[in-house]
Amino acid sequence: MKVADKRKGPDWVIKTLWILTVLAWLGFILSLFSYHFARPELVPGYAEYIQTTQEYRTEWLKDWTAILTYQLIFSAIVSLLAIIVNSRRLKRKTDKFHFNLVLLALASVSAFSYIWVEVLPLLA
């Protein structure tokens, strides 16, 4: 005898987590753009050869670094919250764990750790 699945679909908690997860991924993708603008410019070898390295920015920009930090914190918090809620709500064998949330959490936390340890002391 097979028991019928009584679920009616995702409830408001799951739908809210979907929206927050999409926003967290968008925040992480936007943080890649912020990183591009915040980091120092790469000095090509030719510029070193002709000794024009002073034309390139060699320090991090404070405003863009602050934006980058907030985006990474948002992505990390939302992904960790979604992981906790999903792990509490997984009750059936057919329920799937979302590994993309783990990937997002690892990437956000590791990027934030790098900014916290390596970049922010340079800006102080």
PDB file of N, CA and C in Angstrom:
ATOM      1  N   MET A   1       0.836  -1.170   0.000  1.00  0.00           N
ATOM      2  CA  MET A   1       0.000   0.000   0.000  1.00  0.00           C
ATOM      3  C   MET A   1       0.888   1.244   0.000  1.00  0.00           C
ATOM      4  N   LYS A   2       0.649   2.118  -0.927  1.00  0.00           N
ATOM      5  CA  LYS A   2       1.439   3.336  -1.065  1.00  0.00           C
ATOM      6  C   LYS A   2       0.667   4.512  -0.462  1.00  0.00           C
ATOM      7  N   VAL A   3       1.360   5.278   0.376  1.00  0.00           N
ATOM      8  CA  VAL A   3       0.727   6.420   1.027  1.00  0.00           C
ATOM      9  C   VAL A   3       0.799   7.620   0.089  1.00  0.00           C
ATOM     10  N   ALA A   4      -0.313   8.310  -0.054  1.00  0.00           N
ATOM     11  CA  ALA A   4      -0.366   9.477  -0.940  1.00  0.00           C
ATOM     12  C   ALA A   4       0.385  10.652  -0.310  1.00  0.00           C
ATOM     13  N   ASP A   5       0.987  11.430  -1.147  1.00  0.00           N
ATOM     14  CA  ASP A   5       1.692  12.625  -0.688  1.00  0.00           C
ATOM     15  C   ASP A   5       0.667  13.714  -0.397  1.00  0.00           C
ATOM     16  N   LYS A   6       0.611  14.180   0.847  1.00  0.00           N
ATOM     17  CA  LYS A   6      -0.402  15.138   1.264  1.00  0.00           C
ATOM     18  C   LYS A   6       0.052  16.591   1.147  1.00  0.00           C
ATOM     19  N   ARG A   7       1.248  16.792   0.651  1.00  0.00           N
ATOM     20  CA  ARG A   7       1.734  18.170   0.523  1.00  0.00           C
ATOM     21  C   ARG A   7       0.969  18.902  -0.568  1.00  0.00           C
ATOM     22  N   LYS A   8       0.701  20.149  -0.306  1.00  0.00           N
ATOM     23  CA  LYS A   8      -0.025  20.969  -1.281  1.00  0.00           C
ATOM     24  C   LYS A   8       0.906  21.883  -2.067  1.00  0.00           C
ATOM     25  N   GLY A   9       2.174  21.840  -1.782  1.00  0.00           N
ATOM     26  CA  GLY A   9       3.144  22.702  -2.451  1.00  0.00           C
ATOM     27  C   GLY A   9       3.927  23.498  -1.428  1.00  0.00           C
ATOM     28  N   PRO A  10       4.812  24.333  -1.903  1.00  0.00           N
ATOM     29  CA  PRO A  10       5.638  25.108  -0.974  1.00  0.00           C
ATOM     30  C   PRO A  10       4.796  26.145  -0.223  1.00  0.00           C
ATOM     31  N   ASP A  11       5.087  26.299   1.065  1.00  0.00           N
ATOM     32  CA  ASP A  11       4.379  27.285   1.870  1.00  0.00           C
ATOM     33  C   ASP A  11       5.101  28.630   1.797  1.00  0.00           C
ATOM     34  N   TRP A  12       4.639  29.587   2.560  1.00  0.00           N
ATOM     35  CA  TRP A  12       5.187  30.941   2.479  1.00  0.00           C
ATOM     36  C   TRP A  12       6.632  31.003   2.959  1.00  0.00           C
ATOM     37  N   VAL A  13       7.019  30.119   3.873  1.00  0.00           N
ATOM     38  CA  VAL A  13       8.407  30.118   4.354  1.00  0.00           C
ATOM     39  C   VAL A  13       9.353  29.725   3.226  1.00  0.00           C
ATOM     40  N   ILE A  14       9.001  28.678   2.516  1.00  0.00           N
ATOM     41  CA  ILE A  14       9.852  28.210   1.422  1.00  0.00           C
ATOM     42  C   ILE A  14       9.892  29.234   0.297  1.00  0.00           C
ATOM     43  N   LYS A  15       8.763  29.827  -0.027  1.00  0.00           N
ATOM     44  CA  LYS A  15       8.741  30.842  -1.081  1.00  0.00           C
ATOM     45  C   LYS A  15       9.577  32.060  -0.695  1.00  0.00           C
ATOM     46  N   THR A  16       9.508  32.445   0.575  1.00  0.00           N
ATOM     47  CA  THR A  16      10.334  33.559   1.050  1.00  0.00           C
ATOM     48  C   THR A  16      11.813  33.210   0.974  1.00  0.00           C
ATOM     49  N   LEU A  17      12.163  31.973   1.320  1.00  0.00           N
ATOM     50  CA  LEU A  17      13.556  31.546   1.217  1.00  0.00           C
ATOM     51  C   LEU A  17      14.035  31.514  -0.226  1.00  0.00           C
ATOM     52  N   TRP A  18      13.172  31.138  -1.137  1.00  0.00           N
ATOM     53  CA  TRP A  18      13.547  31.165  -2.557  1.00  0.00           C
ATOM     54  C   TRP A  18      13.885  32.588  -2.989  1.00  0.00           C
ATOM     55  N   ILE A  19      13.039  33.515  -2.607  1.00  0.00           N
ATOM     56  CA  ILE A  19      13.277  34.917  -2.979  1.00  0.00           C
ATOM     57  C   ILE A  19      14.567  35.429  -2.348  1.00  0.00           C
ATOM     58  N   LEU A  20      14.770  35.121  -1.067  1.00  0.00           N
ATOM     59  CA  LEU A  20      15.983  35.567  -0.392  1.00  0.00           C
ATOM     60  C   LEU A  20      17.232  34.913  -0.978  1.00  0.00           C
ATOM     61  N   THR A  21      17.112  33.661  -1.392  1.00  0.00           N
ATOM     62  CA  THR A  21      18.255  32.978  -2.000  1.00  0.00           C
ATOM     63  C   THR A  21      18.618  33.613  -3.335  1.00  0.00           C
ATOM     64  N   VAL A  22      17.619  33.941  -4.115  1.00  0.00           N
ATOM     65  CA  VAL A  22      17.886  34.625  -5.388  1.00  0.00           C
ATOM     66  C   VAL A  22      18.532  35.984  -5.128  1.00  0.00           C
ATOM     67  N   LEU A  23      18.024  36.708  -4.130  1.00  0.00           N
ATOM     68  CA  LEU A  23      18.620  38.000  -3.789  1.00  0.00           C
ATOM     69  C   LEU A  23      20.052  37.840  -3.274  1.00  0.00           C
ATOM     70  N   ALA A  24      20.312  36.768  -2.515  1.00  0.00           N
ATOM     71  CA  ALA A  24      21.672  36.528  -2.019  1.00  0.00           C
ATOM     72  C   ALA A  24      22.623  36.240  -3.174  1.00  0.00           C
ATOM     73  N   TRP A  25      22.173  35.436  -4.152  1.00  0.00           N
ATOM     74  CA  TRP A  25      23.023  35.171  -5.316  1.00  0.00           C
ATOM     75  C   TRP A  25      23.255  36.435  -6.133  1.00  0.00           C
ATOM     76  N   LEU A  26      22.214  37.249  -6.281  1.00  0.00           N
ATOM     77  CA  LEU A  26      22.390  38.520  -6.992  1.00  0.00           C
ATOM     78  C   LEU A  26      23.349  39.432  -6.241  1.00  0.00           C
ATOM     79  N   GLY A  27      23.242  39.442  -4.911  1.00  0.00           N
ATOM     80  CA  GLY A  27      24.174  40.224  -4.109  1.00  0.00           C
ATOM     81  C   GLY A  27      25.608  39.750  -4.267  1.00  0.00           C
ATOM     82  N   PHE A  28      25.777  38.432  -4.364  1.00  0.00           N
ATOM     83  CA  PHE A  28      27.126  37.896  -4.545  1.00  0.00           C
ATOM     84  C   PHE A  28      27.670  38.248  -5.927  1.00  0.00           C
ATOM     85  N   ILE A  29      26.826  38.157  -6.927  1.00  0.00           N
ATOM     86  CA  ILE A  29      27.264  38.520  -8.281  1.00  0.00           C
ATOM     87  C   ILE A  29      27.602  40.009  -8.348  1.00  0.00           C
ATOM     88  N   LEU A  30      26.789  40.843  -7.701  1.00  0.00           N
ATOM     89  CA  LEU A  30      27.099  42.278  -7.651  1.00  0.00           C
ATOM     90  C   LEU A  30      28.377  42.543  -6.871  1.00  0.00           C
ATOM     91  N   SER A  31      28.674  41.696  -5.887  1.00  0.00           N
ATOM     92  CA  SER A  31      29.919  41.878  -5.142  1.00  0.00           C
ATOM     93  C   SER A  31      31.145  41.613  -6.021  1.00  0.00           C
ATOM     94  N   LEU A  32      30.983  40.785  -7.043  1.00  0.00           N
ATOM     95  CA  LEU A  32      32.085  40.588  -7.988  1.00  0.00           C
ATOM     96  C   LEU A  32      32.374  41.870  -8.765  1.00  0.00           C
ATOM     97  N   PHE A  33      31.315  42.608  -9.125  1.00  0.00           N
ATOM     98  CA  PHE A  33      31.507  43.900  -9.776  1.00  0.00           C
ATOM     99  C   PHE A  33      32.131  44.910  -8.814  1.00  0.00           C
ATOM    100  N   SER A  34      31.669  44.899  -7.563  1.00  0.00           N
ATOM    101  CA  SER A  34      32.244  45.801  -6.557  1.00  0.00           C
ATOM    102  C   SER A  34      33.724  45.495  -6.339  1.00  0.00           C
ATOM    103  N   TYR A  35      34.065  44.208  -6.328  1.00  0.00           N
ATOM    104  CA  TYR A  35      35.467  43.822  -6.184  1.00  0.00           C
ATOM    105  C   TYR A  35      36.296  44.369  -7.333  1.00  0.00           C
ATOM    106  N   HIS A  36      35.745  44.315  -8.532  1.00  0.00           N
ATOM    107  CA  HIS A  36      36.471  44.816  -9.700  1.00  0.00           C
ATOM    108  C   HIS A  36      36.805  46.297  -9.547  1.00  0.00           C
ATOM    109  N   PHE A  37      35.862  47.082  -9.049  1.00  0.00           N
ATOM    110  CA  PHE A  37      36.092  48.512  -8.900  1.00  0.00           C
ATOM    111  C   PHE A  37      36.884  48.856  -7.644  1.00  0.00           C
ATOM    112  N   ALA A  38      36.827  48.020  -6.599  1.00  0.00           N
ATOM    113  CA  ALA A  38      37.482  48.330  -5.328  1.00  0.00           C
ATOM    114  C   ALA A  38      38.971  47.987  -5.334  1.00  0.00           C
ATOM    115  N   ARG A  39      39.352  46.962  -6.027  1.00  0.00           N
ATOM    116  CA  ARG A  39      40.736  46.474  -5.950  1.00  0.00           C
ATOM    117  C   ARG A  39      41.690  47.405  -6.689  1.00  0.00           C
ATOM    118  N   PRO A  40      42.966  47.290  -6.359  1.00  0.00           N
ATOM    119  CA  PRO A  40      43.962  48.078  -7.097  1.00  0.00           C
ATOM    120  C   PRO A  40      44.046  47.633  -8.550  1.00  0.00           C
ATOM    121  N   GLU A  41      44.458  48.547  -9.401  1.00  0.00           N
ATOM    122  CA  GLU A  41      44.604  48.207 -10.807  1.00  0.00           C
ATOM    123  C   GLU A  41      45.824  47.312 -11.002  1.00  0.00           C
ATOM    124  N   LEU A  42      45.705  46.414 -11.941  1.00  0.00           N
ATOM    125  CA  LEU A  42      46.835  45.556 -12.271  1.00  0.00           C
ATOM    126  C   LEU A  42      47.809  46.327 -13.156  1.00  0.00           C
ATOM    127  N   VAL A  43      49.056  46.314 -12.764  1.00  0.00           N
ATOM    128  CA  VAL A  43      50.083  47.030 -13.519  1.00  0.00           C
ATOM    129  C   VAL A  43      50.695  46.048 -14.524  1.00  0.00           C
ATOM    130  N   PRO A  44      50.556  46.328 -15.816  1.00  0.00           N
ATOM    131  CA  PRO A  44      51.124  45.418 -16.807  1.00  0.00           C
ATOM    132  C   PRO A  44      52.660  45.486 -16.803  1.00  0.00           C
ATOM    133  N   GLY A  45      53.248  44.422 -17.288  1.00  0.00           N
ATOM    134  CA  GLY A  45      54.711  44.369 -17.331  1.00  0.00           C
ATOM    135  C   GLY A  45      55.314  45.451 -18.210  1.00  0.00           C
ATOM    136  N   TYR A  46      54.594  45.808 -19.261  1.00  0.00           N
ATOM    137  CA  TYR A  46      55.101  46.849 -20.151  1.00  0.00           C
ATOM    138  C   TYR A  46      55.205  48.187 -19.429  1.00  0.00           C
ATOM    139  N   ALA A  47      54.254  48.475 -18.530  1.00  0.00           N
ATOM    140  CA  ALA A  47      54.299  49.730 -17.762  1.00  0.00           C
ATOM    141  C   ALA A  47      55.496  49.743 -16.821  1.00  0.00           C
ATOM    142  N   GLU A  48      55.840  48.602 -16.279  1.00  0.00           N
ATOM    143  CA  GLU A  48      57.034  48.534 -15.438  1.00  0.00           C
ATOM    144  C   GLU A  48      58.293  48.714 -16.282  1.00  0.00           C
ATOM    145  N   TYR A  49      58.266  48.175 -17.488  1.00  0.00           N
ATOM    146  CA  TYR A  49      59.430  48.283 -18.370  1.00  0.00           C
ATOM    147  C   TYR A  49      59.700  49.731 -18.768  1.00  0.00           C
ATOM    148  N   ILE A  50      58.630  50.469 -19.087  1.00  0.00           N
ATOM    149  CA  ILE A  50      58.840  51.861 -19.498  1.00  0.00           C
ATOM    150  C   ILE A  50      58.707  52.828 -18.310  1.00  0.00           C
ATOM    151  N   GLN A  51      58.579  52.261 -17.106  1.00  0.00           N
ATOM    152  CA  GLN A  51      58.570  53.006 -15.846  1.00  0.00           C
ATOM    153  C   GLN A  51      57.437  54.036 -15.772  1.00  0.00           C
ATOM    154  N   THR A  52      56.228  53.574 -16.062  1.00  0.00           N
ATOM    155  CA  THR A  52      55.047  54.434 -15.935  1.00  0.00           C
ATOM    156  C   THR A  52      54.044  53.831 -14.951  1.00  0.00           C
ATOM    157  N   THR A  53      54.547  53.185 -13.930  1.00  0.00           N
ATOM    158  CA  THR A  53      53.664  52.530 -12.965  1.00  0.00           C
ATOM    159  C   THR A  53      52.908  53.527 -12.094  1.00  0.00           C
ATOM    160  N   GLN A  54      53.346  54.768 -12.001  1.00  0.00           N
ATOM    161  CA  GLN A  54      52.664  55.759 -11.169  1.00  0.00           C
ATOM    162  C   GLN A  54      51.303  56.143 -11.744  1.00  0.00           C
ATOM    163  N   GLU A  55      51.019  55.799 -12.986  1.00  0.00           N
ATOM    164  CA  GLU A  55      49.726  56.101 -13.592  1.00  0.00           C
ATOM    165  C   GLU A  55      48.627  55.133 -13.159  1.00  0.00           C
ATOM    166  N   TYR A  56      48.976  54.067 -12.451  1.00  0.00           N
ATOM    167  CA  TYR A  56      48.022  53.047 -12.042  1.00  0.00           C
ATOM    168  C   TYR A  56      47.743  53.163 -10.549  1.00  0.00           C
ATOM    169  N   ARG A  57      46.491  52.915 -10.176  1.00  0.00           N
ATOM    170  CA  ARG A  57      46.091  52.980  -8.774  1.00  0.00           C
ATOM    171  C   ARG A  57      46.553  51.702  -8.074  1.00  0.00           C
ATOM    172  N   THR A  58      47.251  51.854  -6.960  1.00  0.00           N
ATOM    173  CA  THR A  58      47.798  50.700  -6.256  1.00  0.00           C
ATOM    174  C   THR A  58      47.161  50.484  -4.889  1.00  0.00           C
ATOM    175  N   GLU A  59      46.080  51.206  -4.572  1.00  0.00           N
ATOM    176  CA  GLU A  59      45.426  51.019  -3.284  1.00  0.00           C
ATOM    177  C   GLU A  59      43.941  50.688  -3.489  1.00  0.00           C
ATOM    178  N   TRP A  60      43.357  50.096  -2.471  1.00  0.00           N
ATOM    179  CA  TRP A  60      41.939  49.770  -2.499  1.00  0.00           C
ATOM    180  C   TRP A  60      41.128  51.042  -2.275  1.00  0.00           C
ATOM    181  N   LEU A  61      39.981  51.154  -2.933  1.00  0.00           N
ATOM    182  CA  LEU A  61      39.080  52.281  -2.730  1.00  0.00           C
ATOM    183  C   LEU A  61      38.143  51.991  -1.550  1.00  0.00           C
ATOM    184  N   LYS A  62      38.059  52.924  -0.601  1.00  0.00           N
ATOM    185  CA  LYS A  62      37.298  52.693   0.630  1.00  0.00           C
ATOM    186  C   LYS A  62      35.802  52.519   0.375  1.00  0.00           C
ATOM    187  N   ASP A  63      35.233  53.363  -0.451  1.00  0.00           N
ATOM    188  CA  ASP A  63      33.787  53.303  -0.675  1.00  0.00           C
ATOM    189  C   ASP A  63      33.370  51.977  -1.315  1.00  0.00           C
ATOM    190  N   TRP A  64      34.087  51.572  -2.339  1.00  0.00           N
ATOM    191  CA  TRP A  64      33.758  50.313  -3.014  1.00  0.00           C
ATOM    192  C   TRP A  64      34.035  49.112  -2.115  1.00  0.00           C
ATOM    193  N   THR A  65      35.060  49.205  -1.276  1.00  0.00           N
ATOM    194  CA  THR A  65      35.360  48.112  -0.353  1.00  0.00           C
ATOM    195  C   THR A  65      34.261  47.976   0.693  1.00  0.00           C
ATOM    196  N   ALA A  66      33.717  49.101   1.145  1.00  0.00           N
ATOM    197  CA  ALA A  66      32.605  49.045   2.099  1.00  0.00           C
ATOM    198  C   ALA A  66      31.374  48.402   1.463  1.00  0.00           C
ATOM    199  N   ILE A  67      31.066  48.774   0.237  1.00  0.00           N
ATOM    200  CA  ILE A  67      29.936  48.169  -0.474  1.00  0.00           C
ATOM    201  C   ILE A  67      30.161  46.674  -0.648  1.00  0.00           C
ATOM    202  N   LEU A  68      31.365  46.303  -1.022  1.00  0.00           N
ATOM    203  CA  LEU A  68      31.728  44.895  -1.194  1.00  0.00           C
ATOM    204  C   LEU A  68      31.538  44.125   0.110  1.00  0.00           C
ATOM    205  N   THR A  69      31.969  44.711   1.210  1.00  0.00           N
ATOM    206  CA  THR A  69      31.847  44.049   2.501  1.00  0.00           C
ATOM    207  C   THR A  69      30.383  43.819   2.864  1.00  0.00           C
ATOM    208  N   TYR A  70      29.544  44.818   2.686  1.00  0.00           N
ATOM    209  CA  TYR A  70      28.120  44.672   3.008  1.00  0.00           C
ATOM    210  C   TYR A  70      27.440  43.630   2.117  1.00  0.00           C
ATOM    211  N   GLN A  71      27.803  43.584   0.862  1.00  0.00           N
ATOM    212  CA  GLN A  71      27.215  42.594  -0.039  1.00  0.00           C
ATOM    213  C   GLN A  71      27.608  41.178   0.366  1.00  0.00           C
ATOM    214  N   LEU A  72      28.861  40.994   0.764  1.00  0.00           N
ATOM    215  CA  LEU A  72      29.312  39.663   1.183  1.00  0.00           C
ATOM    216  C   LEU A  72      28.659  39.239   2.488  1.00  0.00           C
ATOM    217  N   ILE A  73      28.504  40.183   3.419  1.00  0.00           N
ATOM    218  CA  ILE A  73      27.837  39.863   4.685  1.00  0.00           C
ATOM    219  C   ILE A  73      26.390  39.468   4.428  1.00  0.00           C
ATOM    220  N   PHE A  74      25.697  40.220   3.589  1.00  0.00           N
ATOM    221  CA  PHE A  74      24.300  39.900   3.258  1.00  0.00           C
ATOM    222  C   PHE A  74      24.193  38.512   2.634  1.00  0.00           C
ATOM    223  N   SER A  75      25.057  38.214   1.677  1.00  0.00           N
ATOM    224  CA  SER A  75      25.004  36.910   1.020  1.00  0.00           C
ATOM    225  C   SER A  75      25.289  35.776   2.007  1.00  0.00           C
ATOM    226  N   ALA A  76      26.247  35.974   2.891  1.00  0.00           N
ATOM    227  CA  ALA A  76      26.591  34.935   3.859  1.00  0.00           C
ATOM    228  C   ALA A  76      25.458  34.703   4.848  1.00  0.00           C
ATOM    229  N   ILE A  77      24.875  35.767   5.373  1.00  0.00           N
ATOM    230  CA  ILE A  77      23.806  35.619   6.366  1.00  0.00           C
ATOM    231  C   ILE A  77      22.579  34.951   5.752  1.00  0.00           C
ATOM    232  N   VAL A  78      22.183  35.393   4.583  1.00  0.00           N
ATOM    233  CA  VAL A  78      20.991  34.820   3.953  1.00  0.00           C
ATOM    234  C   VAL A  78      21.220  33.353   3.589  1.00  0.00           C
ATOM    235  N   SER A  79      22.383  33.029   3.074  1.00  0.00           N
ATOM    236  CA  SER A  79      22.632  31.633   2.701  1.00  0.00           C
ATOM    237  C   SER A  79      22.708  30.739   3.934  1.00  0.00           C
ATOM    238  N   LEU A  80      23.328  31.212   5.016  1.00  0.00           N
ATOM    239  CA  LEU A  80      23.381  30.404   6.233  1.00  0.00           C
ATOM    240  C   LEU A  80      21.993  30.243   6.851  1.00  0.00           C
ATOM    241  N   LEU A  81      21.193  31.292   6.820  1.00  0.00           N
ATOM    242  CA  LEU A  81      19.821  31.198   7.310  1.00  0.00           C
ATOM    243  C   LEU A  81      19.018  30.200   6.484  1.00  0.00           C
ATOM    244  N   ALA A  82      19.168  30.237   5.181  1.00  0.00           N
ATOM    245  CA  ALA A  82      18.449  29.302   4.310  1.00  0.00           C
ATOM    246  C   ALA A  82      18.910  27.866   4.536  1.00  0.00           C
ATOM    247  N   ILE A  83      20.193  27.666   4.784  1.00  0.00           N
ATOM    248  CA  ILE A  83      20.695  26.318   5.074  1.00  0.00           C
ATOM    249  C   ILE A  83      20.066  25.789   6.357  1.00  0.00           C
ATOM    250  N   ILE A  84      19.992  26.623   7.382  1.00  0.00           N
ATOM    251  CA  ILE A  84      19.408  26.192   8.658  1.00  0.00           C
ATOM    252  C   ILE A  84      17.936  25.861   8.502  1.00  0.00           C
ATOM    253  N   VAL A  85      17.191  26.735   7.837  1.00  0.00           N
ATOM    254  CA  VAL A  85      15.754  26.493   7.657  1.00  0.00           C
ATOM    255  C   VAL A  85      15.523  25.246   6.809  1.00  0.00           C
ATOM    256  N   ASN A  86      16.293  25.079   5.740  1.00  0.00           N
ATOM    257  CA  ASN A  86      16.125  23.892   4.893  1.00  0.00           C
ATOM    258  C   ASN A  86      16.462  22.611   5.646  1.00  0.00           C
ATOM    259  N   SER A  87      17.513  22.636   6.468  1.00  0.00           N
ATOM    260  CA  SER A  87      17.885  21.429   7.199  1.00  0.00           C
ATOM    261  C   SER A  87      16.841  21.064   8.247  1.00  0.00           C
ATOM    262  N   ARG A  88      16.152  22.056   8.800  1.00  0.00           N
ATOM    263  CA  ARG A  88      15.089  21.788   9.775  1.00  0.00           C
ATOM    264  C   ARG A  88      13.819  21.260   9.097  1.00  0.00           C
ATOM    265  N   ARG A  89      13.605  21.627   7.860  1.00  0.00           N
ATOM    266  CA  ARG A  89      12.351  21.276   7.189  1.00  0.00           C
ATOM    267  C   ARG A  89      12.455  20.021   6.331  1.00  0.00           C
ATOM    268  N   LEU A  90      13.663  19.478   6.147  1.00  0.00           N
ATOM    269  CA  LEU A  90      13.807  18.255   5.350  1.00  0.00           C
ATOM    270  C   LEU A  90      13.316  17.069   6.179  1.00  0.00           C
ATOM    271  N   LYS A  91      12.200  16.477   5.764  1.00  0.00           N
ATOM    272  CA  LYS A  91      11.627  15.380   6.541  1.00  0.00           C
ATOM    273  C   LYS A  91      11.397  14.120   5.707  1.00  0.00           C
ATOM    274  N   ARG A  92      11.313  14.280   4.417  1.00  0.00           N
ATOM    275  CA  ARG A  92      11.022  13.128   3.558  1.00  0.00           C
ATOM    276  C   ARG A  92      12.256  12.758   2.745  1.00  0.00           C
ATOM    277  N   LYS A  93      12.260  11.549   2.265  1.00  0.00           N
ATOM    278  CA  LYS A  93      13.381  11.109   1.438  1.00  0.00           C
ATOM    279  C   LYS A  93      13.426  11.844   0.105  1.00  0.00           C
ATOM    280  N   THR A  94      12.268  12.310  -0.334  1.00  0.00           N
ATOM    281  CA  THR A  94      12.215  13.002  -1.621  1.00  0.00           C
ATOM    282  C   THR A  94      12.617  14.475  -1.518  1.00  0.00           C
ATOM    283  N   ASP A  95      12.727  14.996  -0.304  1.00  0.00           N
ATOM    284  CA  ASP A  95      13.166  16.383  -0.132  1.00  0.00           C
ATOM    285  C   ASP A  95      14.647  16.477  -0.460  1.00  0.00           C
ATOM    286  N   LYS A  96      15.009  17.530  -1.163  1.00  0.00           N
ATOM    287  CA  LYS A  96      16.390  17.682  -1.620  1.00  0.00           C
ATOM    288  C   LYS A  96      17.085  18.795  -0.854  1.00  0.00           C
ATOM    289  N   PHE A  97      18.341  18.538  -0.514  1.00  0.00           N
ATOM    290  CA  PHE A  97      19.161  19.557   0.134  1.00  0.00           C
ATOM    291  C   PHE A  97      19.772  20.437  -0.958  1.00  0.00           C
ATOM    292  N   HIS A  98      19.788  21.730  -0.737  1.00  0.00           N
ATOM    293  CA  HIS A  98      20.263  22.680  -1.740  1.00  0.00           C
ATOM    294  C   HIS A  98      21.757  22.954  -1.533  1.00  0.00           C
ATOM    295  N   PHE A  99      22.593  22.286  -2.328  1.00  0.00           N
ATOM    296  CA  PHE A  99      24.035  22.448  -2.196  1.00  0.00           C
ATOM    297  C   PHE A  99      24.518  23.802  -2.711  1.00  0.00           C
ATOM    298  N   ASN A 100      23.710  24.463  -3.536  1.00  0.00           N
ATOM    299  CA  ASN A 100      24.115  25.784  -4.004  1.00  0.00           C
ATOM    300  C   ASN A 100      24.183  26.780  -2.853  1.00  0.00           C
ATOM    301  N   LEU A 101      23.386  26.556  -1.815  1.00  0.00           N
ATOM    302  CA  LEU A 101      23.453  27.415  -0.638  1.00  0.00           C
ATOM    303  C   LEU A 101      24.763  27.222   0.120  1.00  0.00           C
ATOM    304  N   VAL A 102      25.221  25.992   0.176  1.00  0.00           N
ATOM    305  CA  VAL A 102      26.511  25.718   0.834  1.00  0.00           C
ATOM    306  C   VAL A 102      27.640  26.377   0.047  1.00  0.00           C
ATOM    307  N   LEU A 103      27.577  26.277  -1.273  1.00  0.00           N
ATOM    308  CA  LEU A 103      28.589  26.914  -2.122  1.00  0.00           C
ATOM    309  C   LEU A 103      28.579  28.426  -1.938  1.00  0.00           C
ATOM    310  N   LEU A 104      27.397  29.021  -1.913  1.00  0.00           N
ATOM    311  CA  LEU A 104      27.285  30.465  -1.719  1.00  0.00           C
ATOM    312  C   LEU A 104      27.808  30.871  -0.347  1.00  0.00           C
ATOM    313  N   ALA A 105      27.481  30.102   0.677  1.00  0.00           N
ATOM    314  CA  ALA A 105      27.953  30.421   2.025  1.00  0.00           C
ATOM    315  C   ALA A 105      29.469  30.333   2.111  1.00  0.00           C
ATOM    316  N   LEU A 106      30.045  29.283   1.548  1.00  0.00           N
ATOM    317  CA  LEU A 106      31.504  29.131   1.571  1.00  0.00           C
ATOM    318  C   LEU A 106      32.197  30.256   0.810  1.00  0.00           C
ATOM    319  N   ALA A 107      31.686  30.586  -0.356  1.00  0.00           N
ATOM    320  CA  ALA A 107      32.299  31.650  -1.149  1.00  0.00           C
ATOM    321  C   ALA A 107      32.171  32.994  -0.456  1.00  0.00           C
ATOM    322  N   SER A 108      31.010  33.282   0.107  1.00  0.00           N
ATOM    323  CA  SER A 108      30.804  34.577   0.766  1.00  0.00           C
ATOM    324  C   SER A 108      31.652  34.709   2.026  1.00  0.00           C
ATOM    325  N   VAL A 109      31.674  33.671   2.835  1.00  0.00           N
ATOM    326  CA  VAL A 109      32.447  33.727   4.083  1.00  0.00           C
ATOM    327  C   VAL A 109      33.936  33.799   3.797  1.00  0.00           C
ATOM    328  N   SER A 110      34.416  33.034   2.819  1.00  0.00           N
ATOM    329  CA  SER A 110      35.847  33.076   2.517  1.00  0.00           C
ATOM    330  C   SER A 110      36.254  34.418   1.908  1.00  0.00           C
ATOM    331  N   ALA A 111      35.414  34.988   1.056  1.00  0.00           N
ATOM    332  CA  ALA A 111      35.726  36.301   0.479  1.00  0.00           C
ATOM    333  C   ALA A 111      35.698  37.383   1.561  1.00  0.00           C
ATOM    334  N   PHE A 112      34.708  37.307   2.457  1.00  0.00           N
ATOM    335  CA  PHE A 112      34.654  38.277   3.549  1.00  0.00           C
ATOM    336  C   PHE A 112      35.861  38.135   4.463  1.00  0.00           C
ATOM    337  N   SER A 113      36.286  36.899   4.722  1.00  0.00           N
ATOM    338  CA  SER A 113      37.471  36.683   5.563  1.00  0.00           C
ATOM    339  C   SER A 113      38.710  37.302   4.935  1.00  0.00           C
ATOM    340  N   TYR A 114      38.845  37.152   3.626  1.00  0.00           N
ATOM    341  CA  TYR A 114      39.978  37.760   2.938  1.00  0.00           C
ATOM    342  C   TYR A 114      39.937  39.286   3.061  1.00  0.00           C
ATOM    343  N   ILE A 115      38.775  39.873   2.835  1.00  0.00           N
ATOM    344  CA  ILE A 115      38.642  41.329   2.944  1.00  0.00           C
ATOM    345  C   ILE A 115      38.946  41.773   4.372  1.00  0.00           C
ATOM    346  N   TRP A 116      38.445  41.048   5.360  1.00  0.00           N
ATOM    347  CA  TRP A 116      38.625  41.411   6.760  1.00  0.00           C
ATOM    348  C   TRP A 116      40.094  41.334   7.187  1.00  0.00           C
ATOM    349  N   VAL A 117      40.788  40.287   6.748  1.00  0.00           N
ATOM    350  CA  VAL A 117      42.165  40.061   7.197  1.00  0.00           C
ATOM    351  C   VAL A 117      43.183  40.825   6.361  1.00  0.00           C
ATOM    352  N   GLU A 118      43.014  40.857   5.056  1.00  0.00           N
ATOM    353  CA  GLU A 118      44.036  41.426   4.182  1.00  0.00           C
ATOM    354  C   GLU A 118      43.794  42.875   3.758  1.00  0.00           C
ATOM    355  N   VAL A 119      42.551  43.244   3.507  1.00  0.00           N
ATOM    356  CA  VAL A 119      42.271  44.539   2.892  1.00  0.00           C
ATOM    357  C   VAL A 119      41.962  45.627   3.914  1.00  0.00           C
ATOM    358  N   LEU A 120      41.079  45.325   4.857  1.00  0.00           N
ATOM    359  CA  LEU A 120      40.659  46.360   5.810  1.00  0.00           C
ATOM    360  C   LEU A 120      41.804  46.918   6.664  1.00  0.00           C
ATOM    361  N   PRO A 121      42.797  46.120   7.062  1.00  0.00           N
ATOM    362  CA  PRO A 121      43.939  46.739   7.766  1.00  0.00           C
ATOM    363  C   PRO A 121      44.706  47.730   6.905  1.00  0.00           C
ATOM    364  N   LEU A 122      44.716  47.552   5.597  1.00  0.00           N
ATOM    365  CA  LEU A 122      45.409  48.495   4.713  1.00  0.00           C
ATOM    366  C   LEU A 122      44.669  49.831   4.624  1.00  0.00           C
ATOM    367  N   LEU A 123      43.347  49.785   4.805  1.00  0.00           N
ATOM    368  CA  LEU A 123      42.544  51.001   4.680  1.00  0.00           C
ATOM    369  C   LEU A 123      42.481  51.799   5.984  1.00  0.00           C
ATOM    370  N   ALA A 124      42.848  51.179   7.078  1.00  0.00           N
ATOM    371  CA  ALA A 124      42.770  51.878   8.382  1.00  0.00           C
ATOM    372  C   ALA A 124      43.859  52.904   8.553  1.00  0.00           C
TER     373      ALA A 124
END
